[in-house]
Amino acid sequence: YFLHHWEGIATSRFANAIAFVSGNVTEKVTAIYANPQVVSVKKDTSITVPFTVQTSGLNAPINLTVTSSADTKVSATLTDDLRHVVIKGLTGITEEGLATVTIKDTSTNVTCDVKVVYNV
């Protein structure tokens, strides 16, 4: 009689794991990324730019605001899902120019700038 036993053992570095830490862990926004970072908008048109918010934890508070450096030329608003910013060329545009739209987390002061080239 002969006994043969064949067995395969596999491990993965992507398997579930648990990390134990001591002390208080502060969950916060660590970065904001927009793609593309440079857009072009014409008078009375708009463009939607997606962005990603990176956090240091799953339950990090996210408090976003958006501002434009050229309020009479370009306006910027956040969508309800807080994943896109709508950049609109206003009727005050009479010539070409450059504006900056800044997405900012008010809790951590992390910012992301989107350069906007506006023209007629």
PDB file of N, CA and C in Angstrom:
ATOM      1  N   TYR A   1       0.822  -1.173   0.000  1.00  0.00           N
ATOM      2  CA  TYR A   1       0.000   0.000   0.000  1.00  0.00           C
ATOM      3  C   TYR A   1       0.867   1.237   0.000  1.00  0.00           C
ATOM      4  N   PHE A   2       0.463   2.219  -0.787  1.00  0.00           N
ATOM      5  CA  PHE A   2       1.160   3.496  -0.837  1.00  0.00           C
ATOM      6  C   PHE A   2       0.150   4.610  -0.585  1.00  0.00           C
ATOM      7  N   LEU A   3       0.531   5.581   0.237  1.00  0.00           N
ATOM      8  CA  LEU A   3      -0.338   6.720   0.533  1.00  0.00           C
ATOM      9  C   LEU A   3       0.282   7.965  -0.095  1.00  0.00           C
ATOM     10  N   HIS A   4      -0.470   8.610  -0.931  1.00  0.00           N
ATOM     11  CA  HIS A   4      -0.026   9.868  -1.550  1.00  0.00           C
ATOM     12  C   HIS A   4      -0.969  10.982  -1.107  1.00  0.00           C
ATOM     13  N   HIS A   5      -0.376  12.075  -0.684  1.00  0.00           N
ATOM     14  CA  HIS A   5      -1.183  13.241  -0.265  1.00  0.00           C
ATOM     15  C   HIS A   5      -0.639  14.464  -0.997  1.00  0.00           C
ATOM     16  N   TRP A   6      -1.461  15.076  -1.837  1.00  0.00           N
ATOM     17  CA  TRP A   6      -1.073  16.273  -2.586  1.00  0.00           C
ATOM     18  C   TRP A   6      -1.863  17.444  -2.015  1.00  0.00           C
ATOM     19  N   GLU A   7      -1.171  18.558  -1.744  1.00  0.00           N
ATOM     20  CA  GLU A   7      -1.833  19.717  -1.156  1.00  0.00           C
ATOM     21  C   GLU A   7      -1.174  20.984  -1.692  1.00  0.00           C
ATOM     22  N   GLY A   8      -1.998  21.962  -1.974  1.00  0.00           N
ATOM     23  CA  GLY A   8      -1.484  23.269  -2.392  1.00  0.00           C
ATOM     24  C   GLY A   8      -1.796  24.308  -1.341  1.00  0.00           C
ATOM     25  N   ILE A   9      -0.818  25.110  -1.003  1.00  0.00           N
ATOM     26  CA  ILE A   9      -1.001  26.163  -0.021  1.00  0.00           C
ATOM     27  C   ILE A   9      -0.723  27.487  -0.723  1.00  0.00           C
ATOM     28  N   ALA A  10      -1.655  28.406  -0.589  1.00  0.00           N
ATOM     29  CA  ALA A  10      -1.494  29.704  -1.240  1.00  0.00           C
ATOM     30  C   ALA A  10      -1.739  30.807  -0.216  1.00  0.00           C
ATOM     31  N   THR A  11      -0.984  31.879  -0.344  1.00  0.00           N
ATOM     32  CA  THR A  11      -1.187  33.050   0.503  1.00  0.00           C
ATOM     33  C   THR A  11      -1.284  34.276  -0.396  1.00  0.00           C
ATOM     34  N   SER A  12      -1.889  35.309   0.145  1.00  0.00           N
ATOM     35  CA  SER A  12      -2.038  36.549  -0.614  1.00  0.00           C
ATOM     36  C   SER A  12      -1.759  37.722   0.305  1.00  0.00           C
ATOM     37  N   ARG A  13      -0.998  38.664  -0.190  1.00  0.00           N
ATOM     38  CA  ARG A  13      -0.748  39.874   0.612  1.00  0.00           C
ATOM     39  C   ARG A  13      -1.956  40.801   0.597  1.00  0.00           C
ATOM     40  N   PHE A  14      -2.966  40.462  -0.211  1.00  0.00           N
ATOM     41  CA  PHE A  14      -4.175  41.273  -0.292  1.00  0.00           C
ATOM     42  C   PHE A  14      -5.312  40.694   0.554  1.00  0.00           C
ATOM     43  N   ALA A  15      -5.026  39.699   1.360  1.00  0.00           N
ATOM     44  CA  ALA A  15      -6.047  39.092   2.203  1.00  0.00           C
ATOM     45  C   ALA A  15      -6.451  40.079   3.303  1.00  0.00           C
ATOM     46  N   ASN A  16      -7.582  39.801   3.917  1.00  0.00           N
ATOM     47  CA  ASN A  16      -8.066  40.657   4.992  1.00  0.00           C
ATOM     48  C   ASN A  16      -7.063  40.685   6.140  1.00  0.00           C
ATOM     49  N   ALA A  17      -6.936  41.844   6.754  1.00  0.00           N
ATOM     50  CA  ALA A  17      -6.014  41.994   7.868  1.00  0.00           C
ATOM     51  C   ALA A  17      -6.606  42.978   8.865  1.00  0.00           C
ATOM     52  N   ILE A  18      -6.150  42.912  10.085  1.00  0.00           N
ATOM     53  CA  ILE A  18      -6.590  43.820  11.127  1.00  0.00           C
ATOM     54  C   ILE A  18      -5.348  44.472  11.721  1.00  0.00           C
ATOM     55  N   ALA A  19      -5.411  45.772  11.891  1.00  0.00           N
ATOM     56  CA  ALA A  19      -4.302  46.486  12.510  1.00  0.00           C
ATOM     57  C   ALA A  19      -4.794  47.086  13.823  1.00  0.00           C
ATOM     58  N   PHE A  20      -4.071  46.835  14.894  1.00  0.00           N
ATOM     59  CA  PHE A  20      -4.402  47.401  16.186  1.00  0.00           C
ATOM     60  C   PHE A  20      -3.478  48.579  16.444  1.00  0.00           C
ATOM     61  N   VAL A  21      -4.051  49.707  16.816  1.00  0.00           N
ATOM     62  CA  VAL A  21      -3.258  50.895  17.112  1.00  0.00           C
ATOM     63  C   VAL A  21      -3.654  51.411  18.489  1.00  0.00           C
ATOM     64  N   SER A  22      -2.734  52.114  19.100  1.00  0.00           N
ATOM     65  CA  SER A  22      -3.046  52.696  20.397  1.00  0.00           C
ATOM     66  C   SER A  22      -3.132  54.206  20.259  1.00  0.00           C
ATOM     67  N   GLY A  23      -3.910  54.807  21.111  1.00  0.00           N
ATOM     68  CA  GLY A  23      -4.062  56.251  21.071  1.00  0.00           C
ATOM     69  C   GLY A  23      -5.208  56.668  20.163  1.00  0.00           C
ATOM     70  N   ASN A  24      -5.382  57.952  20.042  1.00  0.00           N
ATOM     71  CA  ASN A  24      -6.446  58.496  19.213  1.00  0.00           C
ATOM     72  C   ASN A  24      -5.984  58.623  17.775  1.00  0.00           C
ATOM     73  N   VAL A  25      -6.832  58.227  16.873  1.00  0.00           N
ATOM     74  CA  VAL A  25      -6.546  58.344  15.449  1.00  0.00           C
ATOM     75  C   VAL A  25      -7.413  59.464  14.895  1.00  0.00           C
ATOM     76  N   THR A  26      -6.792  60.445  14.279  1.00  0.00           N
ATOM     77  CA  THR A  26      -7.525  61.556  13.697  1.00  0.00           C
ATOM     78  C   THR A  26      -7.741  61.282  12.218  1.00  0.00           C
ATOM     79  N   GLU A  27      -8.998  61.129  11.849  1.00  0.00           N
ATOM     80  CA  GLU A  27      -9.335  60.923  10.451  1.00  0.00           C
ATOM     81  C   GLU A  27      -9.566  62.289   9.828  1.00  0.00           C
ATOM     82  N   LYS A  28      -8.922  62.513   8.674  1.00  0.00           N
ATOM     83  CA  LYS A  28      -9.020  63.823   8.046  1.00  0.00           C
ATOM     84  C   LYS A  28      -8.797  63.705   6.548  1.00  0.00           C
ATOM     85  N   VAL A  29      -9.072  64.798   5.850  1.00  0.00           N
ATOM     86  CA  VAL A  29      -8.801  64.883   4.416  1.00  0.00           C
ATOM     87  C   VAL A  29      -7.314  65.128   4.237  1.00  0.00           C
ATOM     88  N   THR A  30      -6.676  64.304   3.392  1.00  0.00           N
ATOM     89  CA  THR A  30      -5.237  64.446   3.180  1.00  0.00           C
ATOM     90  C   THR A  30      -4.892  65.045   1.822  1.00  0.00           C
ATOM     91  N   ALA A  31      -5.785  64.919   0.827  1.00  0.00           N
ATOM     92  CA  ALA A  31      -5.498  65.474  -0.498  1.00  0.00           C
ATOM     93  C   ALA A  31      -6.786  65.560  -1.313  1.00  0.00           C
ATOM     94  N   ILE A  32      -6.775  66.480  -2.276  1.00  0.00           N
ATOM     95  CA  ILE A  32      -7.860  66.617  -3.246  1.00  0.00           C
ATOM     96  C   ILE A  32      -7.212  66.650  -4.621  1.00  0.00           C
ATOM     97  N   TYR A  33      -7.690  65.777  -5.516  1.00  0.00           N
ATOM     98  CA  TYR A  33      -7.135  65.693  -6.868  1.00  0.00           C
ATOM     99  C   TYR A  33      -8.226  65.980  -7.891  1.00  0.00           C
ATOM    100  N   ALA A  34      -7.928  66.855  -8.852  1.00  0.00           N
ATOM    101  CA  ALA A  34      -8.847  67.132  -9.958  1.00  0.00           C
ATOM    102  C   ALA A  34      -8.193  66.692 -11.255  1.00  0.00           C
ATOM    103  N   ASN A  35      -8.999  66.143 -12.149  1.00  0.00           N
ATOM    104  CA  ASN A  35      -8.477  65.725 -13.445  1.00  0.00           C
ATOM    105  C   ASN A  35      -9.521  66.034 -14.501  1.00  0.00           C
ATOM    106  N   PRO A  36      -9.298  66.982 -15.391  1.00  0.00           N
ATOM    107  CA  PRO A  36      -8.044  67.676 -15.688  1.00  0.00           C
ATOM    108  C   PRO A  36      -7.811  68.855 -14.742  1.00  0.00           C
ATOM    109  N   GLN A  37      -6.573  69.318 -14.702  1.00  0.00           N
ATOM    110  CA  GLN A  37      -6.221  70.461 -13.864  1.00  0.00           C
ATOM    111  C   GLN A  37      -6.275  71.779 -14.612  1.00  0.00           C
ATOM    112  N   VAL A  38      -6.383  71.718 -15.927  1.00  0.00           N
ATOM    113  CA  VAL A  38      -6.506  72.923 -16.760  1.00  0.00           C
ATOM    114  C   VAL A  38      -7.678  72.706 -17.701  1.00  0.00           C
ATOM    115  N   VAL A  39      -8.633  73.661 -17.708  1.00  0.00           N
ATOM    116  CA  VAL A  39      -9.801  73.558 -18.581  1.00  0.00           C
ATOM    117  C   VAL A  39     -10.003  74.880 -19.303  1.00  0.00           C
ATOM    118  N   SER A  40     -10.783  74.813 -20.374  1.00  0.00           N
ATOM    119  CA  SER A  40     -11.133  76.004 -21.143  1.00  0.00           C
ATOM    120  C   SER A  40     -12.643  76.136 -21.151  1.00  0.00           C
ATOM    121  N   VAL A  41     -13.121  77.352 -20.923  1.00  0.00           N
ATOM    122  CA  VAL A  41     -14.556  77.596 -20.912  1.00  0.00           C
ATOM    123  C   VAL A  41     -14.847  78.879 -21.697  1.00  0.00           C
ATOM    124  N   LYS A  42     -15.930  78.839 -22.462  1.00  0.00           N
ATOM    125  CA  LYS A  42     -16.328  80.015 -23.232  1.00  0.00           C
ATOM    126  C   LYS A  42     -17.480  80.715 -22.531  1.00  0.00           C
ATOM    127  N   LYS A  43     -17.750  81.913 -22.977  1.00  0.00           N
ATOM    128  CA  LYS A  43     -18.830  82.728 -22.434  1.00  0.00           C
ATOM    129  C   LYS A  43     -20.156  81.971 -22.546  1.00  0.00           C
ATOM    130  N   ASP A  44     -20.930  81.954 -21.465  1.00  0.00           N
ATOM    131  CA  ASP A  44     -22.257  81.331 -21.380  1.00  0.00           C
ATOM    132  C   ASP A  44     -22.244  79.821 -21.597  1.00  0.00           C
ATOM    133  N   THR A  45     -21.122  79.166 -21.345  1.00  0.00           N
ATOM    134  CA  THR A  45     -21.055  77.703 -21.381  1.00  0.00           C
ATOM    135  C   THR A  45     -20.496  77.213 -20.052  1.00  0.00           C
ATOM    136  N   SER A  46     -20.601  75.912 -19.833  1.00  0.00           N
ATOM    137  CA  SER A  46     -20.067  75.358 -18.587  1.00  0.00           C
ATOM    138  C   SER A  46     -19.378  74.032 -18.862  1.00  0.00           C
ATOM    139  N   ILE A  47     -18.531  73.636 -17.934  1.00  0.00           N
ATOM    140  CA  ILE A  47     -17.820  72.367 -18.014  1.00  0.00           C
ATOM    141  C   ILE A  47     -17.829  71.754 -16.618  1.00  0.00           C
ATOM    142  N   THR A  48     -17.933  70.439 -16.559  1.00  0.00           N
ATOM    143  CA  THR A  48     -17.928  69.722 -15.289  1.00  0.00           C
ATOM    144  C   THR A  48     -16.596  69.002 -15.123  1.00  0.00           C
ATOM    145  N   VAL A  49     -15.939  69.278 -14.007  1.00  0.00           N
ATOM    146  CA  VAL A  49     -14.625  68.692 -13.733  1.00  0.00           C
ATOM    147  C   VAL A  49     -14.760  67.739 -12.545  1.00  0.00           C
ATOM    148  N   PRO A  50     -14.403  66.455 -12.728  1.00  0.00           N
ATOM    149  CA  PRO A  50     -14.442  65.525 -11.605  1.00  0.00           C
ATOM    150  C   PRO A  50     -13.224  65.696 -10.698  1.00  0.00           C
ATOM    151  N   PHE A  51     -13.422  65.418  -9.420  1.00  0.00           N
ATOM    152  CA  PHE A  51     -12.299  65.448  -8.494  1.00  0.00           C
ATOM    153  C   PHE A  51     -12.466  64.331  -7.468  1.00  0.00           C
ATOM    154  N   THR A  52     -11.360  63.994  -6.813  1.00  0.00           N
ATOM    155  CA  THR A  52     -11.336  62.928  -5.826  1.00  0.00           C
ATOM    156  C   THR A  52     -10.810  63.483  -4.510  1.00  0.00           C
ATOM    157  N   VAL A  53     -11.454  63.100  -3.432  1.00  0.00           N
ATOM    158  CA  VAL A  53     -11.016  63.499  -2.098  1.00  0.00           C
ATOM    159  C   VAL A  53     -10.384  62.286  -1.427  1.00  0.00           C
ATOM    160  N   GLN A  54      -9.123  62.426  -1.019  1.00  0.00           N
ATOM    161  CA  GLN A  54      -8.412  61.348  -0.334  1.00  0.00           C
ATOM    162  C   GLN A  54      -8.442  61.620   1.165  1.00  0.00           C
ATOM    163  N   THR A  55      -8.796  60.598   1.952  1.00  0.00           N
ATOM    164  CA  THR A  55      -8.882  60.752   3.400  1.00  0.00           C
ATOM    165  C   THR A  55      -7.986  59.741   4.095  1.00  0.00           C
ATOM    166  N   SER A  56      -7.724  59.988   5.363  1.00  0.00           N
ATOM    167  CA  SER A  56      -6.902  59.075   6.147  1.00  0.00           C
ATOM    168  C   SER A  56      -7.738  58.042   6.903  1.00  0.00           C
ATOM    169  N   GLY A  57      -9.043  58.050   6.693  1.00  0.00           N
ATOM    170  CA  GLY A  57      -9.929  57.082   7.332  1.00  0.00           C
ATOM    171  C   GLY A  57     -11.266  57.052   6.634  1.00  0.00           C
ATOM    172  N   LEU A  58     -12.036  56.027   6.918  1.00  0.00           N
ATOM    173  CA  LEU A  58     -13.328  55.871   6.249  1.00  0.00           C
ATOM    174  C   LEU A  58     -14.365  56.881   6.707  1.00  0.00           C
ATOM    175  N   ASN A  59     -14.268  57.355   7.936  1.00  0.00           N
ATOM    176  CA  ASN A  59     -15.266  58.254   8.496  1.00  0.00           C
ATOM    177  C   ASN A  59     -14.758  59.685   8.646  1.00  0.00           C
ATOM    178  N   ALA A  60     -13.807  60.074   7.828  1.00  0.00           N
ATOM    179  CA  ALA A  60     -13.250  61.418   7.921  1.00  0.00           C
ATOM    180  C   ALA A  60     -14.298  62.444   7.512  1.00  0.00           C
ATOM    181  N   PRO A  61     -14.422  63.538   8.253  1.00  0.00           N
ATOM    182  CA  PRO A  61     -15.382  64.581   7.870  1.00  0.00           C
ATOM    183  C   PRO A  61     -14.877  65.341   6.644  1.00  0.00           C
ATOM    184  N   ILE A  62     -15.773  65.543   5.681  1.00  0.00           N
ATOM    185  CA  ILE A  62     -15.431  66.263   4.452  1.00  0.00           C
ATOM    186  C   ILE A  62     -16.319  67.495   4.369  1.00  0.00           C
ATOM    187  N   ASN A  63     -15.705  68.678   4.422  1.00  0.00           N
ATOM    188  CA  ASN A  63     -16.415  69.953   4.344  1.00  0.00           C
ATOM    189  C   ASN A  63     -15.804  70.774   3.217  1.00  0.00           C
ATOM    190  N   LEU A  64     -16.389  70.694   2.032  1.00  0.00           N
ATOM    191  CA  LEU A  64     -15.801  71.317   0.857  1.00  0.00           C
ATOM    192  C   LEU A  64     -16.455  72.648   0.520  1.00  0.00           C
ATOM    193  N   THR A  65     -15.618  73.567   0.050  1.00  0.00           N
ATOM    194  CA  THR A  65     -16.085  74.823  -0.530  1.00  0.00           C
ATOM    195  C   THR A  65     -15.339  75.017  -1.844  1.00  0.00           C
ATOM    196  N   VAL A  66     -15.901  75.849  -2.705  1.00  0.00           N
ATOM    197  CA  VAL A  66     -15.243  76.140  -3.975  1.00  0.00           C
ATOM    198  C   VAL A  66     -15.331  77.645  -4.217  1.00  0.00           C
ATOM    199  N   THR A  67     -14.212  78.224  -4.681  1.00  0.00           N
ATOM    200  CA  THR A  67     -14.163  79.655  -4.970  1.00  0.00           C
ATOM    201  C   THR A  67     -13.497  79.882  -6.318  1.00  0.00           C
ATOM    202  N   SER A  68     -13.777  81.042  -6.901  1.00  0.00           N
ATOM    203  CA  SER A  68     -13.172  81.430  -8.167  1.00  0.00           C
ATOM    204  C   SER A  68     -12.406  82.731  -7.966  1.00  0.00           C
ATOM    205  N   SER A  69     -11.245  82.838  -8.622  1.00  0.00           N
ATOM    206  CA  SER A  69     -10.440  84.058  -8.495  1.00  0.00           C
ATOM    207  C   SER A  69     -10.983  85.184  -9.365  1.00  0.00           C
ATOM    208  N   ALA A  70     -11.831  84.856 -10.324  1.00  0.00           N
ATOM    209  CA  ALA A  70     -12.418  85.867 -11.213  1.00  0.00           C
ATOM    210  C   ALA A  70     -13.935  85.736 -11.147  1.00  0.00           C
ATOM    211  N   ASP A  71     -14.528  86.279 -10.078  1.00  0.00           N
ATOM    212  CA  ASP A  71     -15.957  86.094  -9.828  1.00  0.00           C
ATOM    213  C   ASP A  71     -16.847  86.685 -10.916  1.00  0.00           C
ATOM    214  N   THR A  72     -16.400  87.728 -11.597  1.00  0.00           N
ATOM    215  CA  THR A  72     -17.231  88.329 -12.644  1.00  0.00           C
ATOM    216  C   THR A  72     -17.078  87.632 -13.984  1.00  0.00           C
ATOM    217  N   LYS A  73     -16.102  86.753 -14.097  1.00  0.00           N
ATOM    218  CA  LYS A  73     -15.838  86.054 -15.359  1.00  0.00           C
ATOM    219  C   LYS A  73     -16.204  84.570 -15.289  1.00  0.00           C
ATOM    220  N   VAL A  74     -15.897  83.925 -14.162  1.00  0.00           N
ATOM    221  CA  VAL A  74     -16.075  82.479 -14.020  1.00  0.00           C
ATOM    222  C   VAL A  74     -16.713  82.193 -12.668  1.00  0.00           C
ATOM    223  N   SER A  75     -17.754  81.347 -12.678  1.00  0.00           N
ATOM    224  CA  SER A  75     -18.344  80.896 -11.420  1.00  0.00           C
ATOM    225  C   SER A  75     -18.104  79.400 -11.268  1.00  0.00           C
ATOM    226  N   ALA A  76     -18.102  78.946 -10.026  1.00  0.00           N
ATOM    227  CA  ALA A  76     -17.869  77.528  -9.748  1.00  0.00           C
ATOM    228  C   ALA A  76     -18.817  77.079  -8.649  1.00  0.00           C
ATOM    229  N   THR A  77     -19.442  75.915  -8.855  1.00  0.00           N
ATOM    230  CA  THR A  77     -20.335  75.336  -7.862  1.00  0.00           C
ATOM    231  C   THR A  77     -20.070  73.835  -7.743  1.00  0.00           C
ATOM    232  N   LEU A  78     -20.273  73.323  -6.548  1.00  0.00           N
ATOM    233  CA  LEU A  78     -20.130  71.890  -6.310  1.00  0.00           C
ATOM    234  C   LEU A  78     -21.443  71.183  -6.637  1.00  0.00           C
ATOM    235  N   THR A  79     -21.358  69.965  -7.161  1.00  0.00           N
ATOM    236  CA  THR A  79     -22.551  69.169  -7.378  1.00  0.00           C
ATOM    237  C   THR A  79     -22.988  68.551  -6.052  1.00  0.00           C
ATOM    238  N   ASP A  80     -24.203  68.028  -6.018  1.00  0.00           N
ATOM    239  CA  ASP A  80     -24.745  67.471  -4.776  1.00  0.00           C
ATOM    240  C   ASP A  80     -23.967  66.257  -4.267  1.00  0.00           C
ATOM    241  N   ASP A  81     -23.348  65.509  -5.172  1.00  0.00           N
ATOM    242  CA  ASP A  81     -22.599  64.322  -4.757  1.00  0.00           C
ATOM    243  C   ASP A  81     -21.196  64.643  -4.249  1.00  0.00           C
ATOM    244  N   LEU A  82     -20.783  65.904  -4.324  1.00  0.00           N
ATOM    245  CA  LEU A  82     -19.459  66.363  -3.882  1.00  0.00           C
ATOM    246  C   LEU A  82     -18.327  65.611  -4.583  1.00  0.00           C
ATOM    247  N   ARG A  83     -18.521  65.316  -5.865  1.00  0.00           N
ATOM    248  CA  ARG A  83     -17.505  64.631  -6.669  1.00  0.00           C
ATOM    249  C   ARG A  83     -17.168  65.398  -7.936  1.00  0.00           C
ATOM    250  N   HIS A  84     -17.909  66.482  -8.202  1.00  0.00           N
ATOM    251  CA  HIS A  84     -17.699  67.266  -9.422  1.00  0.00           C
ATOM    252  C   HIS A  84     -17.852  68.751  -9.098  1.00  0.00           C
ATOM    253  N   VAL A  85     -17.134  69.574  -9.843  1.00  0.00           N
ATOM    254  CA  VAL A  85     -17.317  71.017  -9.757  1.00  0.00           C
ATOM    255  C   VAL A  85     -17.734  71.496 -11.146  1.00  0.00           C
ATOM    256  N   VAL A  86     -18.786  72.317 -11.185  1.00  0.00           N
ATOM    257  CA  VAL A  86     -19.288  72.867 -12.447  1.00  0.00           C
ATOM    258  C   VAL A  86     -18.722  74.277 -12.585  1.00  0.00           C
ATOM    259  N   ILE A  87     -17.954  74.490 -13.648  1.00  0.00           N
ATOM    260  CA  ILE A  87     -17.316  75.779 -13.908  1.00  0.00           C
ATOM    261  C   ILE A  87     -18.047  76.416 -15.077  1.00  0.00           C
ATOM    262  N   LYS A  88     -18.556  77.637 -14.874  1.00  0.00           N
ATOM    263  CA  LYS A  88     -19.365  78.304 -15.887  1.00  0.00           C
ATOM    264  C   LYS A  88     -18.723  79.627 -16.284  1.00  0.00           C
ATOM    265  N   GLY A  89     -18.672  79.864 -17.607  1.00  0.00           N
ATOM    266  CA  GLY A  89     -18.221  81.154 -18.121  1.00  0.00           C
ATOM    267  C   GLY A  89     -19.373  82.143 -18.086  1.00  0.00           C
ATOM    268  N   LEU A  90     -19.205  83.255 -17.416  1.00  0.00           N
ATOM    269  CA  LEU A  90     -20.286  84.223 -17.228  1.00  0.00           C
ATOM    270  C   LEU A  90     -20.376  85.206 -18.395  1.00  0.00           C
ATOM    271  N   THR A  91     -21.449  85.977 -18.410  1.00  0.00           N
ATOM    272  CA  THR A  91     -21.657  86.948 -19.495  1.00  0.00           C
ATOM    273  C   THR A  91     -20.696  88.128 -19.406  1.00  0.00           C
ATOM    274  N   GLY A  92     -19.994  88.278 -18.308  1.00  0.00           N
ATOM    275  CA  GLY A  92     -19.033  89.368 -18.151  1.00  0.00           C
ATOM    276  C   GLY A  92     -17.730  89.160 -18.898  1.00  0.00           C
ATOM    277  N   ILE A  93     -17.582  88.042 -19.582  1.00  0.00           N
ATOM    278  CA  ILE A  93     -16.351  87.770 -20.328  1.00  0.00           C
ATOM    279  C   ILE A  93     -16.342  88.601 -21.605  1.00  0.00           C
ATOM    280  N   THR A  94     -15.335  89.440 -21.740  1.00  0.00           N
ATOM    281  CA  THR A  94     -15.189  90.264 -22.953  1.00  0.00           C
ATOM    282  C   THR A  94     -13.882  89.999 -23.673  1.00  0.00           C
ATOM    283  N   GLU A  95     -12.973  89.319 -23.027  1.00  0.00           N
ATOM    284  CA  GLU A  95     -11.673  89.004 -23.618  1.00  0.00           C
ATOM    285  C   GLU A  95     -11.134  87.736 -22.969  1.00  0.00           C
ATOM    286  N   GLU A  96     -10.031  87.223 -23.516  1.00  0.00           N
ATOM    287  CA  GLU A  96      -9.406  86.037 -22.947  1.00  0.00           C
ATOM    288  C   GLU A  96      -8.778  86.345 -21.599  1.00  0.00           C
ATOM    289  N   GLY A  97      -8.700  85.333 -20.765  1.00  0.00           N
ATOM    290  CA  GLY A  97      -8.077  85.512 -19.466  1.00  0.00           C
ATOM    291  C   GLY A  97      -7.862  84.182 -18.770  1.00  0.00           C
ATOM    292  N   LEU A  98      -7.296  84.266 -17.588  1.00  0.00           N
ATOM    293  CA  LEU A  98      -6.991  83.077 -16.795  1.00  0.00           C
ATOM    294  C   LEU A  98      -7.562  83.257 -15.394  1.00  0.00           C
ATOM    295  N   ALA A  99      -8.240  82.236 -14.905  1.00  0.00           N
ATOM    296  CA  ALA A  99      -8.786  82.248 -13.551  1.00  0.00           C
ATOM    297  C   ALA A  99      -8.377  80.967 -12.845  1.00  0.00           C
ATOM    298  N   THR A 100      -8.506  80.981 -11.546  1.00  0.00           N
ATOM    299  CA  THR A 100      -8.212  79.796 -10.747  1.00  0.00           C
ATOM    300  C   THR A 100      -9.438  79.451  -9.924  1.00  0.00           C
ATOM    301  N   VAL A 101      -9.888  78.213 -10.035  1.00  0.00           N
ATOM    302  CA  VAL A 101     -10.967  77.699  -9.204  1.00  0.00           C
ATOM    303  C   VAL A 101     -10.316  76.833  -8.134  1.00  0.00           C
ATOM    304  N   THR A 102     -10.608  77.132  -6.870  1.00  0.00           N
ATOM    305  CA  THR A 102      -9.991  76.434  -5.751  1.00  0.00           C
ATOM    306  C   THR A 102     -11.034  75.610  -5.010  1.00  0.00           C
ATOM    307  N   ILE A 103     -10.770  74.317  -4.898  1.00  0.00           N
ATOM    308  CA  ILE A 103     -11.596  73.421  -4.095  1.00  0.00           C
ATOM    309  C   ILE A 103     -10.871  73.265  -2.760  1.00  0.00           C
ATOM    310  N   LYS A 104     -11.573  73.523  -1.655  1.00  0.00           N
ATOM    311  CA  LYS A 104     -10.911  73.538  -0.351  1.00  0.00           C
ATOM    312  C   LYS A 104     -11.733  72.778   0.674  1.00  0.00           C
ATOM    313  N   ASP A 105     -11.052  72.001   1.503  1.00  0.00           N
ATOM    314  CA  ASP A 105     -11.677  71.379   2.663  1.00  0.00           C
ATOM    315  C   ASP A 105     -11.481  72.326   3.835  1.00  0.00           C
ATOM    316  N   THR A 106     -12.573  72.795   4.414  1.00  0.00           N
ATOM    317  CA  THR A 106     -12.478  73.814   5.460  1.00  0.00           C
ATOM    318  C   THR A 106     -11.942  73.261   6.779  1.00  0.00           C
ATOM    319  N   SER A 107     -12.034  71.951   6.994  1.00  0.00           N
ATOM    320  CA  SER A 107     -11.542  71.376   8.246  1.00  0.00           C
ATOM    321  C   SER A 107     -10.020  71.306   8.290  1.00  0.00           C
ATOM    322  N   THR A 108      -9.397  70.947   7.171  1.00  0.00           N
ATOM    323  CA  THR A 108      -7.958  70.723   7.151  1.00  0.00           C
ATOM    324  C   THR A 108      -7.190  71.730   6.300  1.00  0.00           C
ATOM    325  N   ASN A 109      -7.885  72.606   5.599  1.00  0.00           N
ATOM    326  CA  ASN A 109      -7.274  73.596   4.695  1.00  0.00           C
ATOM    327  C   ASN A 109      -6.518  72.962   3.536  1.00  0.00           C
ATOM    328  N   VAL A 110      -6.878  71.737   3.157  1.00  0.00           N
ATOM    329  CA  VAL A 110      -6.301  71.093   1.983  1.00  0.00           C
ATOM    330  C   VAL A 110      -6.998  71.675   0.756  1.00  0.00           C
ATOM    331  N   THR A 111      -6.213  72.061  -0.266  1.00  0.00           N
ATOM    332  CA  THR A 111      -6.787  72.695  -1.444  1.00  0.00           C
ATOM    333  C   THR A 111      -6.346  71.991  -2.724  1.00  0.00           C
ATOM    334  N   CYS A 112      -7.103  72.258  -3.774  1.00  0.00           N
ATOM    335  CA  CYS A 112      -6.780  71.802  -5.115  1.00  0.00           C
ATOM    336  C   CYS A 112      -7.168  72.926  -6.066  1.00  0.00           C
ATOM    337  N   ASP A 113      -6.257  73.311  -6.942  1.00  0.00           N
ATOM    338  CA  ASP A 113      -6.511  74.387  -7.897  1.00  0.00           C
ATOM    339  C   ASP A 113      -6.752  73.833  -9.293  1.00  0.00           C
ATOM    340  N   VAL A 114      -7.761  74.390  -9.955  1.00  0.00           N
ATOM    341  CA  VAL A 114      -8.053  74.085 -11.355  1.00  0.00           C
ATOM    342  C   VAL A 114      -7.880  75.386 -12.115  1.00  0.00           C
ATOM    343  N   LYS A 115      -6.969  75.416 -13.080  1.00  0.00           N
ATOM    344  CA  LYS A 115      -6.741  76.601 -13.887  1.00  0.00           C
ATOM    345  C   LYS A 115      -7.797  76.647 -14.996  1.00  0.00           C
ATOM    346  N   VAL A 116      -8.403  77.818 -15.181  1.00  0.00           N
ATOM    347  CA  VAL A 116      -9.477  77.982 -16.157  1.00  0.00           C
ATOM    348  C   VAL A 116      -9.069  79.068 -17.143  1.00  0.00           C
ATOM    349  N   VAL A 117      -8.993  78.690 -18.423  1.00  0.00           N
ATOM    350  CA  VAL A 117      -8.765  79.655 -19.497  1.00  0.00           C
ATOM    351  C   VAL A 117     -10.143  80.020 -20.020  1.00  0.00           C
ATOM    352  N   TYR A 118     -10.523  81.289 -19.934  1.00  0.00           N
ATOM    353  CA  TYR A 118     -11.833  81.717 -20.405  1.00  0.00           C
ATOM    354  C   TYR A 118     -11.676  82.645 -21.595  1.00  0.00           C
ATOM    355  N   ASN A 119     -12.643  82.546 -22.515  1.00  0.00           N
ATOM    356  CA  ASN A 119     -12.630  83.422 -23.700  1.00  0.00           C
ATOM    357  C   ASN A 119     -14.040  83.591 -24.230  1.00  0.00           C
ATOM    358  N   VAL A 120     -14.172  84.496 -25.193  1.00  0.00           N
ATOM    359  CA  VAL A 120     -15.485  84.858 -25.749  1.00  0.00           C
ATOM    360  C   VAL A 120     -16.012  83.770 -26.635  1.00  0.00           C
TER     361      VAL A 120
END
